[in-house]
C-alpha cells in the first residue's frame, strides 16, 4: 500500500487476495482498486476491477 500511495486498508485487503486468486472485484470505485492492482506487478494483472451496476 505504501508503493501505491494509499492508506485505505480495506481496498488493500481486497486487492491482494483477489490478485492471488485471479478474481473479479465488483466495486463502486473500480479506479481505486485498479490503482492497487497495477502496483502489484504481474500478480495484479490476474485480477480485474469491475464497476458495480
PDB file of N, CA and C in Angstrom:
ATOM      1  N   UNK A   1       0.814  -1.175   0.000  1.00  0.00           N
ATOM      2  CA  UNK A   1       0.000   0.000   0.000  1.00  0.00           C
ATOM      3  C   UNK A   1       0.867   1.252   0.000  1.00  0.00           C
ATOM      4  N   UNK A   2       2.030   1.149   0.570  1.00  0.00           N
ATOM      5  CA  UNK A   2       2.940   2.284   0.551  1.00  0.00           C
ATOM      6  C   UNK A   2       3.377   2.639  -0.859  1.00  0.00           C
ATOM      7  N   UNK A   3       3.646   1.623  -1.682  1.00  0.00           N
ATOM      8  CA  UNK A   3       4.042   1.873  -3.064  1.00  0.00           C
ATOM      9  C   UNK A   3       2.897   2.476  -3.873  1.00  0.00           C
ATOM     10  N   UNK A   4       1.667   2.171  -3.498  1.00  0.00           N
ATOM     11  CA  UNK A   4       0.509   2.691  -4.218  1.00  0.00           C
ATOM     12  C   UNK A   4       0.096   4.066  -3.705  1.00  0.00           C
ATOM     13  N   UNK A   5       0.753   4.536  -2.648  1.00  0.00           N
ATOM     14  CA  UNK A   5       0.449   5.838  -2.044  1.00  0.00           C
ATOM     15  C   UNK A   5      -1.019   5.948  -1.654  1.00  0.00           C
ATOM     16  N   UNK A   6      -1.506   4.914  -0.971  1.00  0.00           N
ATOM     17  CA  UNK A   6      -2.870   4.933  -0.461  1.00  0.00           C
ATOM     18  C   UNK A   6      -2.865   4.435   0.971  1.00  0.00           C
ATOM     19  N   UNK A   7      -3.841   4.840   1.720  1.00  0.00           N
ATOM     20  CA  UNK A   7      -3.903   4.410   3.118  1.00  0.00           C
ATOM     21  C   UNK A   7      -5.210   3.686   3.422  1.00  0.00           C
ATOM     22  N   UNK A   8      -5.920   3.233   2.390  1.00  0.00           N
ATOM     23  CA  UNK A   8      -7.185   2.553   2.609  1.00  0.00           C
ATOM     24  C   UNK A   8      -6.931   1.059   2.820  1.00  0.00           C
ATOM     25  N   UNK A   9      -6.971   0.598   4.081  1.00  0.00           N
ATOM     26  CA  UNK A   9      -6.657  -0.802   4.343  1.00  0.00           C
ATOM     27  C   UNK A   9      -7.697  -1.763   3.776  1.00  0.00           C
ATOM     28  N   UNK A  10      -8.932  -1.323   3.609  1.00  0.00           N
ATOM     29  CA  UNK A  10      -9.971  -2.204   3.074  1.00  0.00           C
ATOM     30  C   UNK A  10      -9.676  -2.520   1.612  1.00  0.00           C
ATOM     31  N   UNK A  11      -9.352  -1.514   0.822  1.00  0.00           N
ATOM     32  CA  UNK A  11      -9.020  -1.750  -0.588  1.00  0.00           C
ATOM     33  C   UNK A  11      -7.817  -2.685  -0.717  1.00  0.00           C
ATOM     34  N   UNK A  12      -6.820  -2.483   0.113  1.00  0.00           N
ATOM     35  CA  UNK A  12      -5.649  -3.340   0.078  1.00  0.00           C
ATOM     36  C   UNK A  12      -5.971  -4.775   0.481  1.00  0.00           C
ATOM     37  N   UNK A  13      -6.850  -4.914   1.458  1.00  0.00           N
ATOM     38  CA  UNK A  13      -7.254  -6.240   1.917  1.00  0.00           C
ATOM     39  C   UNK A  13      -8.034  -6.984   0.845  1.00  0.00           C
ATOM     40  N   UNK A  14      -8.699  -6.264  -0.028  1.00  0.00           N
ATOM     41  CA  UNK A  14      -9.438  -6.875  -1.131  1.00  0.00           C
ATOM     42  C   UNK A  14      -8.517  -7.145  -2.323  1.00  0.00           C
ATOM     43  N   UNK A  15      -7.665  -6.206  -2.651  1.00  0.00           N
ATOM     44  CA  UNK A  15      -6.854  -6.302  -3.868  1.00  0.00           C
ATOM     45  C   UNK A  15      -5.821  -7.425  -3.818  1.00  0.00           C
ATOM     46  N   UNK A  16      -5.139  -7.582  -2.705  1.00  0.00           N
ATOM     47  CA  UNK A  16      -4.056  -8.566  -2.641  1.00  0.00           C
ATOM     48  C   UNK A  16      -4.572 -10.000  -2.796  1.00  0.00           C
ATOM     49  N   UNK A  17      -5.577 -10.434  -2.027  1.00  0.00           N
ATOM     50  CA  UNK A  17      -6.051 -11.806  -2.233  1.00  0.00           C
ATOM     51  C   UNK A  17      -6.722 -12.003  -3.592  1.00  0.00           C
ATOM     52  N   UNK A  18      -7.375 -10.969  -4.100  1.00  0.00           N
ATOM     53  CA  UNK A  18      -8.003 -11.080  -5.423  1.00  0.00           C
ATOM     54  C   UNK A  18      -6.947 -11.325  -6.489  1.00  0.00           C
ATOM     55  N   UNK A  19      -5.810 -10.665  -6.363  1.00  0.00           N
ATOM     56  CA  UNK A  19      -4.724 -10.877  -7.318  1.00  0.00           C
ATOM     57  C   UNK A  19      -4.201 -12.309  -7.214  1.00  0.00           C
ATOM     58  N   UNK A  20      -4.086 -12.812  -5.996  1.00  0.00           N
ATOM     59  CA  UNK A  20      -3.618 -14.189  -5.806  1.00  0.00           C
ATOM     60  C   UNK A  20      -4.578 -15.195  -6.436  1.00  0.00           C
ATOM     61  N   UNK A  21      -5.873 -14.900  -6.369  1.00  0.00           N
ATOM     62  CA  UNK A  21      -6.896 -15.825  -6.860  1.00  0.00           C
ATOM     63  C   UNK A  21      -7.291 -15.591  -8.315  1.00  0.00           C
ATOM     64  N   UNK A  22      -6.904 -14.455  -8.879  1.00  0.00           N
ATOM     65  CA  UNK A  22      -7.343 -14.109 -10.228  1.00  0.00           C
ATOM     66  C   UNK A  22      -8.822 -13.769 -10.258  1.00  0.00           C
ATOM     67  N   UNK A  23      -9.281 -13.098  -9.241  1.00  0.00           N
ATOM     68  CA  UNK A  23     -10.702 -12.810  -9.056  1.00  0.00           C
ATOM     69  C   UNK A  23     -11.134 -11.509  -9.732  1.00  0.00           C
ATOM     70  N   UNK A  24     -12.434 -11.390  -9.913  1.00  0.00           N
ATOM     71  CA  UNK A  24     -13.051 -10.142 -10.359  1.00  0.00           C
ATOM     72  C   UNK A  24     -13.589  -9.451  -9.112  1.00  0.00           C
ATOM     73  N   UNK A  25     -13.219  -8.191  -8.934  1.00  0.00           N
ATOM     74  CA  UNK A  25     -13.672  -7.399  -7.793  1.00  0.00           C
ATOM     75  C   UNK A  25     -14.754  -6.454  -8.289  1.00  0.00           C
ATOM     76  N   UNK A  26     -15.966  -6.626  -7.808  1.00  0.00           N
ATOM     77  CA  UNK A  26     -17.071  -5.746  -8.185  1.00  0.00           C
ATOM     78  C   UNK A  26     -17.143  -4.657  -7.118  1.00  0.00           C
ATOM     79  N   UNK A  27     -17.002  -3.408  -7.552  1.00  0.00           N
ATOM     80  CA  UNK A  27     -16.876  -2.301  -6.610  1.00  0.00           C
ATOM     81  C   UNK A  27     -17.506  -1.033  -7.172  1.00  0.00           C
ATOM     82  N   UNK A  28     -17.892  -0.143  -6.280  1.00  0.00           N
ATOM     83  CA  UNK A  28     -18.440   1.151  -6.708  1.00  0.00           C
ATOM     84  C   UNK A  28     -17.339   2.106  -7.148  1.00  0.00           C
ATOM     85  N   UNK A  29     -16.083   1.776  -6.849  1.00  0.00           N
ATOM     86  CA  UNK A  29     -14.964   2.633  -7.251  1.00  0.00           C
ATOM     87  C   UNK A  29     -13.828   1.786  -7.836  1.00  0.00           C
ATOM     88  N   UNK A  30     -14.028   1.290  -9.064  1.00  0.00           N
ATOM     89  CA  UNK A  30     -13.017   0.416  -9.643  1.00  0.00           C
ATOM     90  C   UNK A  30     -11.663   1.089  -9.863  1.00  0.00           C
ATOM     91  N   UNK A  31     -11.651   2.394  -9.981  1.00  0.00           N
ATOM     92  CA  UNK A  31     -10.391   3.112 -10.176  1.00  0.00           C
ATOM     93  C   UNK A  31      -9.431   2.940  -9.009  1.00  0.00           C
ATOM     94  N   UNK A  32      -9.955   2.980  -7.797  1.00  0.00           N
ATOM     95  CA  UNK A  32      -9.109   2.807  -6.612  1.00  0.00           C
ATOM     96  C   UNK A  32      -8.531   1.398  -6.555  1.00  0.00           C
ATOM     97  N   UNK A  33      -9.368   0.406  -6.804  1.00  0.00           N
ATOM     98  CA  UNK A  33      -8.906  -0.974  -6.779  1.00  0.00           C
ATOM     99  C   UNK A  33      -7.907  -1.224  -7.910  1.00  0.00           C
ATOM    100  N   UNK A  34      -8.206  -0.711  -9.093  1.00  0.00           N
ATOM    101  CA  UNK A  34      -7.305  -0.906 -10.228  1.00  0.00           C
ATOM    102  C   UNK A  34      -5.948  -0.285  -9.959  1.00  0.00           C
ATOM    103  N   UNK A  35      -5.950   0.854  -9.295  1.00  0.00           N
ATOM    104  CA  UNK A  35      -4.690   1.519  -8.930  1.00  0.00           C
ATOM    105  C   UNK A  35      -3.826   0.577  -8.081  1.00  0.00           C
ATOM    106  N   UNK A  36      -4.448  -0.090  -7.114  1.00  0.00           N
ATOM    107  CA  UNK A  36      -3.708  -1.033  -6.277  1.00  0.00           C
ATOM    108  C   UNK A  36      -3.261  -2.252  -7.076  1.00  0.00           C
ATOM    109  N   UNK A  37      -4.152  -2.786  -7.904  1.00  0.00           N
ATOM    110  CA  UNK A  37      -3.788  -3.946  -8.722  1.00  0.00           C
ATOM    111  C   UNK A  37      -2.602  -3.628  -9.628  1.00  0.00           C
ATOM    112  N   UNK A  38      -2.585  -2.432 -10.183  1.00  0.00           N
ATOM    113  CA  UNK A  38      -1.486  -2.025 -11.061  1.00  0.00           C
ATOM    114  C   UNK A  38      -0.147  -2.018 -10.318  1.00  0.00           C
ATOM    115  N   UNK A  39      -0.173  -1.720  -9.037  1.00  0.00           N
ATOM    116  CA  UNK A  39       1.067  -1.662  -8.249  1.00  0.00           C
ATOM    117  C   UNK A  39       1.539  -3.043  -7.813  1.00  0.00           C
ATOM    118  N   UNK A  40       0.728  -4.075  -8.006  1.00  0.00           N
ATOM    119  CA  UNK A  40       1.110  -5.428  -7.595  1.00  0.00           C
ATOM    120  C   UNK A  40       1.921  -6.160  -8.660  1.00  0.00           C
ATOM    121  N   UNK A  41       2.207  -5.488  -9.756  1.00  0.00           N
ATOM    122  CA  UNK A  41       3.016  -6.102 -10.812  1.00  0.00           C
ATOM    123  C   UNK A  41       2.255  -7.201 -11.528  1.00  0.00           C
ATOM    124  N   UNK A  42       2.946  -8.251 -11.948  1.00  0.00           N
ATOM    125  CA  UNK A  42       2.298  -9.326 -12.703  1.00  0.00           C
ATOM    126  C   UNK A  42       1.139  -9.980 -11.959  1.00  0.00           C
ATOM    127  N   UNK A  43       1.232 -10.085 -10.642  1.00  0.00           N
ATOM    128  CA  UNK A  43       0.134 -10.687  -9.869  1.00  0.00           C
ATOM    129  C   UNK A  43      -1.146  -9.875 -10.013  1.00  0.00           C
ATOM    130  N   UNK A  44      -1.020  -8.561 -10.037  1.00  0.00           N
ATOM    131  CA  UNK A  44      -2.190  -7.697 -10.157  1.00  0.00           C
ATOM    132  C   UNK A  44      -2.903  -7.828 -11.480  1.00  0.00           C
ATOM    133  N   UNK A  45      -2.220  -8.300 -12.500  1.00  0.00           N
ATOM    134  CA  UNK A  45      -2.834  -8.465 -13.814  1.00  0.00           C
ATOM    135  C   UNK A  45      -3.773  -9.668 -13.863  1.00  0.00           C
ATOM    136  N   UNK A  46      -3.694 -10.538 -12.865  1.00  0.00           N
ATOM    137  CA  UNK A  46      -4.591 -11.698 -12.825  1.00  0.00           C
ATOM    138  C   UNK A  46      -5.980 -11.331 -12.345  1.00  0.00           C
ATOM    139  N   UNK A  47      -6.127 -10.213 -11.646  1.00  0.00           N
ATOM    140  CA  UNK A  47      -7.416  -9.780 -11.115  1.00  0.00           C
ATOM    141  C   UNK A  47      -7.996  -8.666 -11.979  1.00  0.00           C
ATOM    142  N   UNK A  48      -9.272  -8.420 -11.790  1.00  0.00           N
ATOM    143  CA  UNK A  48      -9.963  -7.384 -12.569  1.00  0.00           C
ATOM    144  C   UNK A  48     -10.884  -6.596 -11.642  1.00  0.00           C
ATOM    145  N   UNK A  49     -10.911  -5.273 -11.799  1.00  0.00           N
ATOM    146  CA  UNK A  49     -11.832  -4.412 -11.069  1.00  0.00           C
ATOM    147  C   UNK A  49     -12.998  -4.077 -11.981  1.00  0.00           C
ATOM    148  N   UNK A  50     -14.199  -4.456 -11.591  1.00  0.00           N
ATOM    149  CA  UNK A  50     -15.390  -4.227 -12.410  1.00  0.00           C
ATOM    150  C   UNK A  50     -16.335  -3.281 -11.673  1.00  0.00           C
ATOM    151  N   UNK A  51     -16.973  -2.370 -12.408  1.00  0.00           N
ATOM    152  CA  UNK A  51     -17.888  -1.427 -11.759  1.00  0.00           C
ATOM    153  C   UNK A  51     -19.169  -2.112 -11.272  1.00  0.00           C
ATOM    154  N   UNK A  52     -19.632  -1.678 -10.121  1.00  0.00           N
ATOM    155  CA  UNK A  52     -20.909  -2.119  -9.588  1.00  0.00           C
ATOM    156  C   UNK A  52     -22.007  -1.471 -10.393  1.00  0.00           C
ATOM    157  N   UNK A  53     -22.957  -2.252 -10.859  1.00  0.00           N
ATOM    158  CA  UNK A  53     -24.038  -1.679 -11.669  1.00  0.00           C
ATOM    159  C   UNK A  53     -25.361  -1.857 -11.025  1.00  0.00           C
TER     160      UNK A  53
END
